Amino acid sequence: MKWNEPNDLFRINVIAKHNEKDIILTRLCFKRPLWHGDDAAPIAYADGVSVIAPDLPVMPLEAMALITKIVEDEQPDVVVTSSMGGLFGEQLRGIPRVLINPAWSMSRLLTFGGMGRREFYNKRADGAKDFKVDKAMVADFKTIEKATGKGITAEDKAMVWGLFGDKDKRVNHQKDFVKLYGKEHFVVFDGEHSLNDKVLSRVVLPIVRQLLGLTD
């Protein structure tokens, strides 16, 4: 299994909530099926764990607003993000977060990649087939990027994990993460930008289990 989201955009933005009832690790419990296919299953691998993974709005400021609202409304136990999602996830405060290969320089990546229309790799709930990368999107990302690392507290440093593939050829913010959050929860794993079963089972899920209080 491999998460194949479009062009580094709209990768994993999983918000997990543990209801602390009847935990059975061999069963699944989804709050609602807002995920592309069955790829959310590795996160919601325990009874009592629900997952919210909505399609994000294309415009970054709207996406940030949606994620912030969901966190405020749902009060989840942990937020797991990857790639572009790591830009949004870093700016949440007061909640455990796992940032996997975070892309904190989306405006630069999109500018170098060129403007124009790009196809979504997976079906979306709104039925959209493609999206447009334009100057307005890049400007939105620049606005969000300016807030990276702002307002971090000692509490935040203790609850944020940064996971980085040593073969990631798309983004590399290892030094930036260490500068902001230190090395206590800084992990470099054997892998690339996209995730696979090995990384999920050996790197990501053990940390998620720990944050959800599901350790043996």
Protein backbone atom coordinates (compact mmCIF):
# COMPACT_ATOMS: atom_id res chain seq x y z
CA MET A 1 0.00 0.00 0.00
CA LYS A 2 1.23 3.48 -0.82
CA TRP A 3 -0.37 6.85 -0.36
CA ASN A 4 -0.51 8.49 -3.78
CA GLU A 5 -1.91 11.97 -3.39
CA PRO A 6 -1.59 14.58 -6.13
CA ASN A 7 1.69 16.33 -6.75
CA ASP A 8 2.70 16.73 -3.11
CA LEU A 9 -0.64 18.39 -2.37
CA PHE A 10 -3.39 17.17 -0.10
CA ARG A 11 -1.40 14.35 1.46
CA ILE A 12 -2.25 12.74 4.77
CA ASN A 13 -4.24 14.97 7.08
CA VAL A 14 -5.57 12.48 9.60
CA ILE A 15 -7.19 13.56 12.81
CA ALA A 16 -7.60 10.65 15.21
CA LYS A 17 -9.84 10.60 18.23
CA HIS A 18 -9.79 7.89 20.87
CA ASN A 19 -13.06 7.38 22.72
CA GLU A 20 -11.41 5.26 25.44
CA LYS A 21 -14.02 2.52 25.22
CA ASP A 22 -13.60 -1.18 24.46
CA ILE A 23 -10.20 -1.01 22.83
CA ILE A 24 -9.66 -4.08 20.67
CA LEU A 25 -6.61 -3.73 18.47
CA THR A 26 -7.81 -6.17 15.82
CA ARG A 27 -10.94 -4.22 14.95
CA LEU A 28 -11.55 -1.01 13.04
CA CYS A 29 -13.79 1.89 13.90
CA PHE A 30 -14.23 4.76 11.46
CA LYS A 31 -16.03 7.89 12.47
CA ARG A 32 -16.93 8.53 8.85
CA PRO A 33 -15.40 7.32 5.58
CA LEU A 34 -13.78 10.57 4.48
CA TRP A 35 -10.67 9.03 2.98
CA HIS A 36 -9.44 8.02 -0.44
CA GLY A 37 -10.09 4.30 -0.66
CA ASP A 38 -9.01 2.15 2.28
CA ASP A 39 -5.76 3.96 3.00
CA ALA A 40 -7.03 5.28 6.34
CA ALA A 41 -7.24 1.72 7.66
CA PRO A 42 -3.66 1.60 8.99
CA ILE A 43 -4.39 4.53 11.30
CA ALA A 44 -7.80 3.33 12.49
CA TYR A 45 -6.56 -0.12 13.38
CA ALA A 46 -8.01 -0.22 16.87
CA ASP A 47 -11.58 -0.35 18.07
CA GLY A 48 -12.24 2.95 19.77
CA VAL A 49 -10.13 4.98 17.36
CA SER A 50 -11.99 7.15 14.88
CA VAL A 51 -10.44 8.97 11.95
CA ILE A 52 -11.43 12.20 10.23
CA ALA A 53 -9.62 12.69 6.93
CA PRO A 54 -11.53 15.18 4.79
CA ASP A 55 -10.67 16.41 1.34
CA LEU A 56 -8.98 19.76 1.83
CA PRO A 57 -10.03 22.87 -0.05
CA VAL A 58 -7.59 23.68 -2.83
CA MET A 59 -6.84 27.18 -1.59
CA PRO A 60 -4.38 26.99 1.33
CA LEU A 61 -5.98 29.60 3.60
CA GLU A 62 -9.32 27.81 3.29
CA ALA A 63 -7.63 24.47 4.02
CA MET A 64 -5.93 25.89 7.11
CA ALA A 65 -9.24 27.30 8.33
CA LEU A 66 -10.97 23.94 7.86
CA ILE A 67 -8.31 22.00 9.74
CA THR A 68 -8.36 24.54 12.57
CA LYS A 69 -12.15 24.32 12.83
CA ILE A 70 -12.16 20.53 12.85
CA VAL A 71 -9.58 20.47 15.64
CA GLU A 72 -11.59 23.01 17.65
CA ASP A 73 -14.88 21.15 17.14
CA GLU A 74 -13.67 17.57 17.54
CA GLN A 75 -10.93 18.02 20.16
CA PRO A 76 -8.90 15.08 18.77
CA ASP A 77 -6.10 13.28 20.57
CA VAL A 78 -3.57 13.51 17.75
CA VAL A 79 -3.15 15.04 14.31
CA VAL A 80 -1.07 13.16 11.73
CA THR A 81 0.07 15.03 8.63
CA SER A 82 2.43 14.55 5.73
CA SER A 83 3.99 16.73 3.05
CA MET A 84 1.84 19.85 2.59
CA GLY A 85 -0.24 18.79 5.57
CA GLY A 86 2.85 19.23 7.70
CA LEU A 87 2.78 22.95 6.92
CA PHE A 88 -0.74 23.18 8.31
CA GLY A 89 -0.16 20.75 11.17
CA GLU A 90 2.89 22.58 12.47
CA GLN A 91 0.83 25.69 13.05
CA LEU A 92 -1.73 24.02 15.27
CA ARG A 93 -0.96 24.53 18.94
CA GLY A 94 -1.64 22.66 22.16
CA ILE A 95 -2.29 19.27 20.55
CA PRO A 96 -0.05 16.24 19.81
CA ARG A 97 1.05 16.21 16.18
CA VAL A 98 3.06 13.93 13.92
CA LEU A 99 4.63 15.76 10.98
CA ILE A 100 5.86 13.36 8.31
CA ASN A 101 8.16 14.83 5.66
CA PRO A 102 6.58 18.26 6.20
CA ALA A 103 6.71 20.62 3.23
CA TRP A 104 7.20 24.04 4.76
CA SER A 105 8.14 25.73 1.48
CA MET A 106 5.13 24.99 -0.70
CA SER A 107 5.22 28.39 -2.41
CA ARG A 108 8.72 27.67 -3.72
CA LEU A 109 7.85 24.11 -4.75
CA LEU A 110 4.80 25.24 -6.71
CA THR A 111 6.63 28.13 -8.33
CA PHE A 112 9.42 25.85 -9.55
CA GLY A 113 6.89 23.23 -10.63
CA GLY A 114 5.06 25.69 -12.85
CA MET A 115 1.57 27.14 -12.94
CA GLY A 116 -1.44 25.53 -14.57
CA ARG A 117 -3.95 22.74 -14.03
CA ARG A 118 -3.10 19.47 -12.34
CA GLU A 119 -5.21 16.34 -11.96
CA PHE A 120 -6.26 14.82 -8.68
CA TYR A 121 -4.96 11.26 -8.44
CA ASN A 122 -7.90 10.10 -6.31
CA LYS A 123 -11.62 10.74 -6.23
CA ARG A 124 -12.86 13.61 -4.11
CA ALA A 125 -16.19 13.94 -2.37
CA ASP A 126 -16.94 17.09 -4.37
CA GLY A 127 -16.30 15.29 -7.65
CA ALA A 128 -13.52 17.65 -8.74
CA LYS A 129 -11.12 16.11 -11.26
CA ASP A 130 -8.38 18.72 -11.26
CA PHE A 131 -7.24 21.97 -9.67
CA LYS A 132 -5.36 25.08 -10.75
CA VAL A 133 -2.01 26.21 -9.43
CA ASP A 134 -1.87 29.98 -9.85
CA LYS A 135 -0.37 33.09 -8.29
CA ALA A 136 -3.22 33.34 -5.79
CA MET A 137 -2.47 29.86 -4.45
CA VAL A 138 1.23 30.63 -4.19
CA ALA A 139 0.43 33.89 -2.37
CA ASP A 140 -1.76 31.97 0.11
CA PHE A 141 1.07 29.56 0.83
CA LYS A 142 3.51 32.43 1.37
CA THR A 143 1.11 33.92 3.91
CA ILE A 144 0.83 30.64 5.81
CA GLU A 145 4.56 29.95 5.65
CA LYS A 146 5.30 33.23 7.42
CA ALA A 147 3.60 31.83 10.53
CA THR A 148 5.69 28.66 10.67
CA GLY A 149 7.26 28.28 14.08
CA LYS A 150 5.41 31.22 15.62
CA GLY A 151 4.06 30.89 19.14
CA ILE A 152 5.67 27.53 19.95
CA THR A 153 5.57 26.78 23.66
CA ALA A 154 7.52 24.31 25.76
CA GLU A 155 4.33 22.22 25.80
CA ASP A 156 4.26 22.15 22.01
CA LYS A 157 7.89 21.05 21.82
CA ALA A 158 7.06 18.10 24.04
CA MET A 159 4.12 16.90 21.93
CA VAL A 160 5.30 17.32 18.33
CA TRP A 161 7.09 14.58 16.38
CA GLY A 162 8.98 15.14 13.14
CA LEU A 163 9.54 12.10 10.90
CA PHE A 164 11.85 12.45 7.92
CA GLY A 165 12.71 10.01 5.15
CA ASP A 166 16.45 9.85 4.55
CA LYS A 167 15.81 9.39 0.81
CA ASP A 168 13.25 12.18 0.44
CA LYS A 169 14.23 14.02 -2.74
CA ARG A 170 11.28 16.44 -2.68
CA VAL A 171 11.58 18.33 0.60
CA ASN A 172 14.04 18.44 3.47
CA HIS A 173 13.25 20.50 6.55
CA GLN A 174 15.16 18.43 9.06
CA LYS A 175 17.34 21.33 10.23
CA ASP A 176 14.32 23.63 10.44
CA PHE A 177 12.45 21.13 12.60
CA VAL A 178 15.37 20.61 14.96
CA LYS A 179 15.81 24.36 15.28
CA LEU A 180 12.17 24.80 16.25
CA TYR A 181 11.45 21.64 18.24
CA GLY A 182 14.78 20.09 19.19
CA LYS A 183 15.86 16.49 18.76
CA GLU A 184 13.74 14.74 21.41
CA HIS A 185 11.06 13.73 18.88
CA PHE A 186 13.15 14.03 15.72
CA VAL A 187 13.20 10.78 13.71
CA VAL A 188 14.98 9.98 10.45
CA PHE A 189 13.67 6.78 8.86
CA ASP A 190 14.70 4.63 5.92
CA GLY A 191 12.33 5.84 3.25
CA GLU A 192 11.28 8.38 0.66
CA HIS A 193 8.75 11.20 0.56
CA SER A 194 5.79 8.88 -0.04
CA LEU A 195 4.94 6.34 2.63
CA ASN A 196 4.72 2.57 2.32
CA ASP A 197 3.71 -0.33 4.55
CA LYS A 198 7.15 -0.69 6.08
CA VAL A 199 7.32 2.93 7.19
CA LEU A 200 3.73 2.86 8.42
CA SER A 201 4.12 -0.26 10.51
CA ARG A 202 7.62 0.32 11.85
CA VAL A 203 7.78 4.09 12.22
CA VAL A 204 4.43 5.88 12.10
CA LEU A 205 2.01 3.55 13.86
CA PRO A 206 4.12 2.94 16.98
CA ILE A 207 4.28 6.70 17.56
CA VAL A 208 0.55 7.13 16.91
CA ARG A 209 -0.20 4.30 19.34
CA GLN A 210 1.96 5.95 21.94
CA LEU A 211 0.23 9.29 21.54
CA LEU A 212 -3.19 7.62 21.74
CA GLY A 213 -2.21 5.75 24.89
CA LEU A 214 -2.52 2.39 23.19
CA THR A 215 0.92 1.07 24.02
CA ASP A 216 1.16 -2.45 25.42
